[in-house]
């Protein structure tokens, strides 16, 4: 438990937050953005021959991915405003 507390303390520094806001989170979001469009294409191909009720779970799951990714983009933008690389 002591090691986890120490690691958590390192993530709470201004440098770590700036690194996450400017490098790590945008990198993950870029990969997720590419993947979500592939998911949308696969979902579209999958539901073409289905009825509304059969396709609903697939459409709902795909929409959830888009919503969550959009929320993460907003949070990342807020973090970049809150933790700039260079403080003026």
PDB file of N, CA and C in Angstrom:
ATOM      1  N   UNK A   1       0.823  -1.192   0.000  1.00  0.00           N
ATOM      2  CA  UNK A   1       0.000   0.000   0.000  1.00  0.00           C
ATOM      3  C   UNK A   1       0.873   1.263   0.000  1.00  0.00           C
ATOM      4  N   UNK A   2       2.016   1.181   0.662  1.00  0.00           N
ATOM      5  CA  UNK A   2       2.919   2.323   0.733  1.00  0.00           C
ATOM      6  C   UNK A   2       3.431   2.689  -0.668  1.00  0.00           C
ATOM      7  N   UNK A   3       3.723   1.669  -1.476  1.00  0.00           N
ATOM      8  CA  UNK A   3       4.213   1.918  -2.835  1.00  0.00           C
ATOM      9  C   UNK A   3       3.132   2.610  -3.664  1.00  0.00           C
ATOM     10  N   UNK A   4       1.890   2.167  -3.525  1.00  0.00           N
ATOM     11  CA  UNK A   4       0.792   2.799  -4.269  1.00  0.00           C
ATOM     12  C   UNK A   4       0.607   4.256  -3.870  1.00  0.00           C
ATOM     13  N   UNK A   5       0.729   4.541  -2.590  1.00  0.00           N
ATOM     14  CA  UNK A   5       0.618   5.935  -2.138  1.00  0.00           C
ATOM     15  C   UNK A   5       1.729   6.795  -2.726  1.00  0.00           C
ATOM     16  N   UNK A   6       2.937   6.232  -2.773  1.00  0.00           N
ATOM     17  CA  UNK A   6       4.060   6.980  -3.323  1.00  0.00           C
ATOM     18  C   UNK A   6       3.875   7.217  -4.829  1.00  0.00           C
ATOM     19  N   UNK A   7       3.422   6.200  -5.542  1.00  0.00           N
ATOM     20  CA  UNK A   7       3.161   6.369  -6.974  1.00  0.00           C
ATOM     21  C   UNK A   7       2.051   7.397  -7.215  1.00  0.00           C
ATOM     22  N   UNK A   8       1.018   7.364  -6.399  1.00  0.00           N
ATOM     23  CA  UNK A   8      -0.067   8.339  -6.519  1.00  0.00           C
ATOM     24  C   UNK A   8       0.457   9.751  -6.279  1.00  0.00           C
ATOM     25  N   UNK A   9       1.352   9.886  -5.312  1.00  0.00           N
ATOM     26  CA  UNK A   9       1.926  11.207  -5.017  1.00  0.00           C
ATOM     27  C   UNK A   9       2.687  11.741  -6.229  1.00  0.00           C
ATOM     28  N   UNK A  10       3.387  10.860  -6.951  1.00  0.00           N
ATOM     29  CA  UNK A  10       4.112  11.294  -8.151  1.00  0.00           C
ATOM     30  C   UNK A  10       3.164  11.763  -9.247  1.00  0.00           C
ATOM     31  N   UNK A  11       2.001  11.151  -9.345  1.00  0.00           N
ATOM     32  CA  UNK A  11       1.059  11.547 -10.397  1.00  0.00           C
ATOM     33  C   UNK A  11       0.360  12.861 -10.080  1.00  0.00           C
ATOM     34  N   UNK A  12       0.481  13.349  -8.882  1.00  0.00           N
ATOM     35  CA  UNK A  12      -0.200  14.578  -8.491  1.00  0.00           C
ATOM     36  C   UNK A  12       0.672  15.823  -8.666  1.00  0.00           C
ATOM     37  N   UNK A  13       1.868  15.662  -9.187  1.00  0.00           N
ATOM     38  CA  UNK A  13       2.727  16.823  -9.424  1.00  0.00           C
ATOM     39  C   UNK A  13       2.249  17.578 -10.660  1.00  0.00           C
ATOM     40  N   UNK A  14       2.606  18.856 -10.748  1.00  0.00           N
ATOM     41  CA  UNK A  14       2.205  19.668 -11.897  1.00  0.00           C
ATOM     42  C   UNK A  14       2.828  19.143 -13.183  1.00  0.00           C
ATOM     43  N   UNK A  15       4.064  18.651 -13.111  1.00  0.00           N
ATOM     44  CA  UNK A  15       4.730  18.133 -14.308  1.00  0.00           C
ATOM     45  C   UNK A  15       4.029  16.879 -14.831  1.00  0.00           C
ATOM     46  N   UNK A  16       3.634  15.998 -13.930  1.00  0.00           N
ATOM     47  CA  UNK A  16       2.947  14.772 -14.338  1.00  0.00           C
ATOM     48  C   UNK A  16       1.588  15.088 -14.952  1.00  0.00           C
ATOM     49  N   UNK A  17       0.866  16.036 -14.370  1.00  0.00           N
ATOM     50  CA  UNK A  17      -0.435  16.407 -14.913  1.00  0.00           C
ATOM     51  C   UNK A  17      -0.297  17.060 -16.283  1.00  0.00           C
ATOM     52  N   UNK A  18       0.715  17.891 -16.446  1.00  0.00           N
ATOM     53  CA  UNK A  18       0.940  18.524 -17.750  1.00  0.00           C
ATOM     54  C   UNK A  18       1.330  17.474 -18.789  1.00  0.00           C
ATOM     55  N   UNK A  19       2.164  16.523 -18.415  1.00  0.00           N
ATOM     56  CA  UNK A  19       2.550  15.455 -19.334  1.00  0.00           C
ATOM     57  C   UNK A  19       1.331  14.640 -19.762  1.00  0.00           C
ATOM     58  N   UNK A  20       0.499  14.313 -18.817  1.00  0.00           N
ATOM     59  CA  UNK A  20      -0.717  13.567 -19.143  1.00  0.00           C
ATOM     60  C   UNK A  20      -1.659  14.351 -20.029  1.00  0.00           C
ATOM     61  N   UNK A  21      -1.822  15.635 -19.727  1.00  0.00           N
ATOM     62  CA  UNK A  21      -2.764  16.472 -20.475  1.00  0.00           C
ATOM     63  C   UNK A  21      -2.289  16.760 -21.890  1.00  0.00           C
ATOM     64  N   UNK A  22      -0.981  16.849 -22.095  1.00  0.00           N
ATOM     65  CA  UNK A  22      -0.458  17.259 -23.405  1.00  0.00           C
ATOM     66  C   UNK A  22       0.078  16.111 -24.240  1.00  0.00           C
ATOM     67  N   UNK A  23       0.415  14.965 -23.621  1.00  0.00           N
ATOM     68  CA  UNK A  23       1.023  13.873 -24.389  1.00  0.00           C
ATOM     69  C   UNK A  23       0.208  12.583 -24.276  1.00  0.00           C
ATOM     70  N   UNK A  24       0.006  12.109 -23.069  1.00  0.00           N
ATOM     71  CA  UNK A  24      -0.584  10.790 -22.888  1.00  0.00           C
ATOM     72  C   UNK A  24      -2.057  10.726 -23.298  1.00  0.00           C
ATOM     73  N   UNK A  25      -2.865  11.619 -22.774  1.00  0.00           N
ATOM     74  CA  UNK A  25      -4.297  11.587 -23.077  1.00  0.00           C
ATOM     75  C   UNK A  25      -4.568  11.860 -24.554  1.00  0.00           C
ATOM     76  N   UNK A  26      -3.963  12.890 -25.174  1.00  0.00           N
ATOM     77  CA  UNK A  26      -4.214  13.087 -26.611  1.00  0.00           C
ATOM     78  C   UNK A  26      -3.766  11.903 -27.471  1.00  0.00           C
ATOM     79  N   UNK A  27      -2.681  11.240 -27.079  1.00  0.00           N
ATOM     80  CA  UNK A  27      -2.239  10.058 -27.826  1.00  0.00           C
ATOM     81  C   UNK A  27      -3.259   8.935 -27.758  1.00  0.00           C
ATOM     82  N   UNK A  28      -3.782   8.700 -26.576  1.00  0.00           N
ATOM     83  CA  UNK A  28      -4.814   7.667 -26.414  1.00  0.00           C
ATOM     84  C   UNK A  28      -6.080   8.038 -27.169  1.00  0.00           C
ATOM     85  N   UNK A  29      -6.449   9.300 -27.128  1.00  0.00           N
ATOM     86  CA  UNK A  29      -7.654   9.735 -27.834  1.00  0.00           C
ATOM     87  C   UNK A  29      -7.495   9.629 -29.352  1.00  0.00           C
ATOM     88  N   UNK A  30      -6.299   9.862 -29.854  1.00  0.00           N
ATOM     89  CA  UNK A  30      -6.067   9.720 -31.293  1.00  0.00           C
ATOM     90  C   UNK A  30      -6.258   8.266 -31.719  1.00  0.00           C
ATOM     91  N   UNK A  31      -5.741   7.347 -30.930  1.00  0.00           N
ATOM     92  CA  UNK A  31      -5.926   5.926 -31.245  1.00  0.00           C
ATOM     93  C   UNK A  31      -7.392   5.528 -31.116  1.00  0.00           C
ATOM     94  N   UNK A  32      -8.069   6.031 -30.084  1.00  0.00           N
ATOM     95  CA  UNK A  32      -9.489   5.714 -29.904  1.00  0.00           C
ATOM     96  C   UNK A  32     -10.322   6.301 -31.033  1.00  0.00           C
ATOM     97  N   UNK A  33      -9.962   7.489 -31.500  1.00  0.00           N
ATOM     98  CA  UNK A  33     -10.692   8.113 -32.599  1.00  0.00           C
ATOM     99  C   UNK A  33     -10.634   7.291 -33.870  1.00  0.00           C
ATOM    100  N   UNK A  34      -9.463   6.747 -34.169  1.00  0.00           N
ATOM    101  CA  UNK A  34      -9.341   5.882 -35.347  1.00  0.00           C
ATOM    102  C   UNK A  34     -10.175   4.616 -35.165  1.00  0.00           C
ATOM    103  N   UNK A  35     -10.109   4.038 -33.993  1.00  0.00           N
ATOM    104  CA  UNK A  35     -10.825   2.795 -33.730  1.00  0.00           C
ATOM    105  C   UNK A  35     -12.326   2.959 -33.708  1.00  0.00           C
ATOM    106  N   UNK A  36     -12.809   4.105 -33.251  1.00  0.00           N
ATOM    107  CA  UNK A  36     -14.259   4.257 -33.159  1.00  0.00           C
ATOM    108  C   UNK A  36     -14.894   4.355 -34.541  1.00  0.00           C
ATOM    109  N   UNK A  37     -14.185   4.887 -35.518  1.00  0.00           N
ATOM    110  CA  UNK A  37     -14.748   4.941 -36.875  1.00  0.00           C
ATOM    111  C   UNK A  37     -14.745   3.564 -37.514  1.00  0.00           C
ATOM    112  N   UNK A  38     -13.743   2.749 -37.183  1.00  0.00           N
ATOM    113  CA  UNK A  38     -13.758   1.366 -37.645  1.00  0.00           C
ATOM    114  C   UNK A  38     -14.919   0.606 -37.007  1.00  0.00           C
ATOM    115  N   UNK A  39     -15.167   0.878 -35.733  1.00  0.00           N
ATOM    116  CA  UNK A  39     -16.294   0.263 -35.036  1.00  0.00           C
ATOM    117  C   UNK A  39     -17.615   0.679 -35.669  1.00  0.00           C
ATOM    118  N   UNK A  40     -17.736   1.945 -36.035  1.00  0.00           N
ATOM    119  CA  UNK A  40     -18.970   2.411 -36.664  1.00  0.00           C
ATOM    120  C   UNK A  40     -19.189   1.705 -38.003  1.00  0.00           C
ATOM    121  N   UNK A  41     -18.129   1.552 -38.784  1.00  0.00           N
ATOM    122  CA  UNK A  41     -18.249   0.839 -40.059  1.00  0.00           C
ATOM    123  C   UNK A  41     -18.636  -0.615 -39.867  1.00  0.00           C
ATOM    124  N   UNK A  42     -18.004  -1.273 -38.895  1.00  0.00           N
ATOM    125  CA  UNK A  42     -18.325  -2.681 -38.616  1.00  0.00           C
ATOM    126  C   UNK A  42     -19.756  -2.824 -38.122  1.00  0.00           C
ATOM    127  N   UNK A  43     -20.198  -1.889 -37.284  1.00  0.00           N
ATOM    128  CA  UNK A  43     -21.576  -1.928 -36.783  1.00  0.00           C
ATOM    129  C   UNK A  43     -22.555  -1.734 -37.926  1.00  0.00           C
ATOM    130  N   UNK A  44     -22.264  -0.818 -38.825  1.00  0.00           N
ATOM    131  CA  UNK A  44     -23.135  -0.579 -39.973  1.00  0.00           C
ATOM    132  C   UNK A  44     -23.259  -1.839 -40.828  1.00  0.00           C
ATOM    133  N   UNK A  45     -22.142  -2.479 -41.114  1.00  0.00           N
ATOM    134  CA  UNK A  45     -22.163  -3.716 -41.907  1.00  0.00           C
ATOM    135  C   UNK A  45     -22.934  -4.825 -41.189  1.00  0.00           C
ATOM    136  N   UNK A  46     -22.804  -4.889 -39.877  1.00  0.00           N
ATOM    137  CA  UNK A  46     -23.454  -5.931 -39.092  1.00  0.00           C
ATOM    138  C   UNK A  46     -24.969  -5.778 -39.066  1.00  0.00           C
ATOM    139  N   UNK A  47     -25.456  -4.552 -38.952  1.00  0.00           N
ATOM    140  CA  UNK A  47     -26.895  -4.353 -38.734  1.00  0.00           C
ATOM    141  C   UNK A  47     -27.705  -4.229 -40.020  1.00  0.00           C
ATOM    142  N   UNK A  48     -27.052  -4.262 -41.181  1.00  0.00           N
ATOM    143  CA  UNK A  48     -27.796  -4.073 -42.427  1.00  0.00           C
ATOM    144  C   UNK A  48     -28.924  -5.081 -42.610  1.00  0.00           C
ATOM    145  N   UNK A  49     -28.729  -6.318 -42.220  1.00  0.00           N
ATOM    146  CA  UNK A  49     -29.762  -7.331 -42.421  1.00  0.00           C
ATOM    147  C   UNK A  49     -30.588  -7.633 -41.193  1.00  0.00           C
ATOM    148  N   UNK A  50     -30.517  -6.804 -40.190  1.00  0.00           N
ATOM    149  CA  UNK A  50     -31.229  -7.071 -38.935  1.00  0.00           C
ATOM    150  C   UNK A  50     -32.451  -6.183 -38.795  1.00  0.00           C
ATOM    151  N   UNK A  51     -33.335  -6.589 -37.901  1.00  0.00           N
ATOM    152  CA  UNK A  51     -34.470  -5.732 -37.554  1.00  0.00           C
ATOM    153  C   UNK A  51     -34.005  -4.699 -36.532  1.00  0.00           C
ATOM    154  N   UNK A  52     -34.887  -3.761 -36.224  1.00  0.00           N
ATOM    155  CA  UNK A  52     -34.556  -2.707 -35.265  1.00  0.00           C
ATOM    156  C   UNK A  52     -34.185  -3.284 -33.908  1.00  0.00           C
ATOM    157  N   UNK A  53     -34.978  -4.220 -33.409  1.00  0.00           N
ATOM    158  CA  UNK A  53     -34.722  -4.757 -32.067  1.00  0.00           C
ATOM    159  C   UNK A  53     -33.485  -5.625 -32.015  1.00  0.00           C
ATOM    160  N   UNK A  54     -33.199  -6.344 -33.105  1.00  0.00           N
ATOM    161  CA  UNK A  54     -31.989  -7.155 -33.123  1.00  0.00           C
ATOM    162  C   UNK A  54     -30.734  -6.284 -33.157  1.00  0.00           C
ATOM    163  N   UNK A  55     -30.803  -5.169 -33.850  1.00  0.00           N
ATOM    164  CA  UNK A  55     -29.626  -4.314 -34.015  1.00  0.00           C
ATOM    165  C   UNK A  55     -29.441  -3.298 -32.898  1.00  0.00           C
ATOM    166  N   UNK A  56     -30.457  -3.113 -32.078  1.00  0.00           N
ATOM    167  CA  UNK A  56     -30.394  -2.071 -31.043  1.00  0.00           C
ATOM    168  C   UNK A  56     -29.188  -2.194 -30.109  1.00  0.00           C
ATOM    169  N   UNK A  57     -28.850  -3.381 -29.592  1.00  0.00           N
ATOM    170  CA  UNK A  57     -27.679  -3.461 -28.696  1.00  0.00           C
ATOM    171  C   UNK A  57     -26.374  -3.033 -29.371  1.00  0.00           C
ATOM    172  N   UNK A  58     -26.219  -3.370 -30.645  1.00  0.00           N
ATOM    173  CA  UNK A  58     -25.000  -2.998 -31.359  1.00  0.00           C
ATOM    174  C   UNK A  58     -24.929  -1.491 -31.588  1.00  0.00           C
ATOM    175  N   UNK A  59     -26.048  -0.916 -31.956  1.00  0.00           N
ATOM    176  CA  UNK A  59     -26.099   0.532 -32.176  1.00  0.00           C
ATOM    177  C   UNK A  59     -25.878   1.266 -30.864  1.00  0.00           C
ATOM    178  N   UNK A  60     -26.481   0.786 -29.788  1.00  0.00           N
ATOM    179  CA  UNK A  60     -26.318   1.425 -28.475  1.00  0.00           C
ATOM    180  C   UNK A  60     -24.859   1.345 -28.009  1.00  0.00           C
ATOM    181  N   UNK A  61     -24.215   0.206 -28.209  1.00  0.00           N
ATOM    182  CA  UNK A  61     -22.812   0.068 -27.805  1.00  0.00           C
ATOM    183  C   UNK A  61     -21.920   0.998 -28.620  1.00  0.00           C
ATOM    184  N   UNK A  62     -22.175   1.094 -29.922  1.00  0.00           N
ATOM    185  CA  UNK A  62     -21.386   1.980 -30.778  1.00  0.00           C
ATOM    186  C   UNK A  62     -21.592   3.440 -30.367  1.00  0.00           C
ATOM    187  N   UNK A  63     -22.831   3.818 -30.095  1.00  0.00           N
ATOM    188  CA  UNK A  63     -23.120   5.189 -29.667  1.00  0.00           C
ATOM    189  C   UNK A  63     -22.455   5.497 -28.330  1.00  0.00           C
ATOM    190  N   UNK A  64     -22.410   4.522 -27.445  1.00  0.00           N
ATOM    191  CA  UNK A  64     -21.758   4.716 -26.149  1.00  0.00           C
ATOM    192  C   UNK A  64     -20.270   5.003 -26.330  1.00  0.00           C
ATOM    193  N   UNK A  65     -19.628   4.301 -27.247  1.00  0.00           N
ATOM    194  CA  UNK A  65     -18.207   4.542 -27.513  1.00  0.00           C
ATOM    195  C   UNK A  65     -18.001   5.973 -28.005  1.00  0.00           C
ATOM    196  N   UNK A  66     -18.881   6.454 -28.898  1.00  0.00           N
ATOM    197  CA  UNK A  66     -18.757   7.814 -29.406  1.00  0.00           C
ATOM    198  C   UNK A  66     -18.963   8.840 -28.293  1.00  0.00           C
ATOM    199  N   UNK A  67     -19.933   8.605 -27.432  1.00  0.00           N
ATOM    200  CA  UNK A  67     -20.210   9.547 -26.337  1.00  0.00           C
ATOM    201  C   UNK A  67     -19.057   9.597 -25.345  1.00  0.00           C
ATOM    202  N   UNK A  68     -18.551   8.439 -24.961  1.00  0.00           N
ATOM    203  CA  UNK A  68     -17.456   8.397 -23.986  1.00  0.00           C
ATOM    204  C   UNK A  68     -16.200   9.048 -24.564  1.00  0.00           C
ATOM    205  N   UNK A  69     -15.907   8.776 -25.830  1.00  0.00           N
ATOM    206  CA  UNK A  69     -14.741   9.396 -26.454  1.00  0.00           C
ATOM    207  C   UNK A  69     -14.905  10.911 -26.514  1.00  0.00           C
ATOM    208  N   UNK A  70     -16.111  11.386 -26.825  1.00  0.00           N
ATOM    209  CA  UNK A  70     -16.372  12.828 -26.834  1.00  0.00           C
ATOM    210  C   UNK A  70     -16.190  13.454 -25.466  1.00  0.00           C
ATOM    211  N   UNK A  71     -16.651  12.760 -24.429  1.00  0.00           N
ATOM    212  CA  UNK A  71     -16.473  13.263 -23.061  1.00  0.00           C
ATOM    213  C   UNK A  71     -14.994  13.336 -22.691  1.00  0.00           C
ATOM    214  N   UNK A  72     -14.233  12.314 -23.078  1.00  0.00           N
ATOM    215  CA  UNK A  72     -12.796  12.327 -22.793  1.00  0.00           C
ATOM    216  C   UNK A  72     -12.105  13.469 -23.520  1.00  0.00           C
ATOM    217  N   UNK A  73     -12.548  13.787 -24.727  1.00  0.00           N
ATOM    218  CA  UNK A  73     -11.957  14.905 -25.464  1.00  0.00           C
ATOM    219  C   UNK A  73     -12.198  16.216 -24.725  1.00  0.00           C
ATOM    220  N   UNK A  74     -13.393  16.393 -24.168  1.00  0.00           N
ATOM    221  CA  UNK A  74     -13.688  17.609 -23.407  1.00  0.00           C
ATOM    222  C   UNK A  74     -12.842  17.684 -22.146  1.00  0.00           C
ATOM    223  N   UNK A  75     -12.706  16.565 -21.454  1.00  0.00           N
ATOM    224  CA  UNK A  75     -11.899  16.540 -20.233  1.00  0.00           C
ATOM    225  C   UNK A  75     -10.437  16.835 -20.557  1.00  0.00           C
ATOM    226  N   UNK A  76      -9.941  16.270 -21.654  1.00  0.00           N
ATOM    227  CA  UNK A  76      -8.554  16.526 -22.052  1.00  0.00           C
ATOM    228  C   UNK A  76      -8.344  18.002 -22.370  1.00  0.00           C
ATOM    229  N   UNK A  77      -9.309  18.613 -23.017  1.00  0.00           N
ATOM    230  CA  UNK A  77      -9.216  20.046 -23.322  1.00  0.00           C
ATOM    231  C   UNK A  77      -9.181  20.878 -22.039  1.00  0.00           C
ATOM    232  N   UNK A  78     -10.019  20.514 -21.072  1.00  0.00           N
ATOM    233  CA  UNK A  78     -10.027  21.219 -19.790  1.00  0.00           C
ATOM    234  C   UNK A  78      -8.699  21.050 -19.058  1.00  0.00           C
ATOM    235  N   UNK A  79      -8.143  19.839 -19.106  1.00  0.00           N
ATOM    236  CA  UNK A  79      -6.848  19.602 -18.451  1.00  0.00           C
ATOM    237  C   UNK A  79      -5.741  20.424 -19.096  1.00  0.00           C
ATOM    238  N   UNK A  80      -5.764  20.552 -20.433  1.00  0.00           N
ATOM    239  CA  UNK A  80      -4.726  21.342 -21.098  1.00  0.00           C
ATOM    240  C   UNK A  80      -4.841  22.819 -20.729  1.00  0.00           C
ATOM    241  N   UNK A  81      -6.067  23.310 -20.542  1.00  0.00           N
ATOM    242  CA  UNK A  81      -6.229  24.705 -20.101  1.00  0.00           C
ATOM    243  C   UNK A  81      -5.765  24.876 -18.660  1.00  0.00           C
ATOM    244  N   UNK A  82      -6.039  23.886 -17.838  1.00  0.00           N
ATOM    245  CA  UNK A  82      -5.709  23.984 -16.421  1.00  0.00           C
ATOM    246  C   UNK A  82      -4.215  23.763 -16.157  1.00  0.00           C
ATOM    247  N   UNK A  83      -3.566  22.941 -16.974  1.00  0.00           N
ATOM    248  CA  UNK A  83      -2.148  22.606 -16.776  1.00  0.00           C
ATOM    249  C   UNK A  83      -1.362  22.930 -18.048  1.00  0.00           C
ATOM    250  N   UNK A  84      -1.083  24.204 -18.281  1.00  0.00           N
ATOM    251  CA  UNK A  84      -0.329  24.563 -19.486  1.00  0.00           C
ATOM    252  C   UNK A  84       1.123  24.080 -19.389  1.00  0.00           C
ATOM    253  N   UNK A  85       1.735  23.924 -20.552  1.00  0.00           N
ATOM    254  CA  UNK A  85       3.132  23.490 -20.565  1.00  0.00           C
ATOM    255  C   UNK A  85       4.025  24.592 -20.014  1.00  0.00           C
ATOM    256  N   UNK A  86       3.789  25.826 -20.458  1.00  0.00           N
ATOM    257  CA  UNK A  86       4.554  26.969 -19.977  1.00  0.00           C
ATOM    258  C   UNK A  86       3.598  27.912 -19.265  1.00  0.00           C
ATOM    259  N   UNK A  87       3.874  28.193 -18.025  1.00  0.00           N
ATOM    260  CA  UNK A  87       3.034  29.132 -17.296  1.00  0.00           C
ATOM    261  C   UNK A  87       3.456  30.552 -17.621  1.00  0.00           C
ATOM    262  N   UNK A  88       2.496  31.361 -18.014  1.00  0.00           N
ATOM    263  CA  UNK A  88       2.783  32.747 -18.362  1.00  0.00           C
ATOM    264  C   UNK A  88       2.572  33.655 -17.176  1.00  0.00           C
TER     265      UNK A  88
END
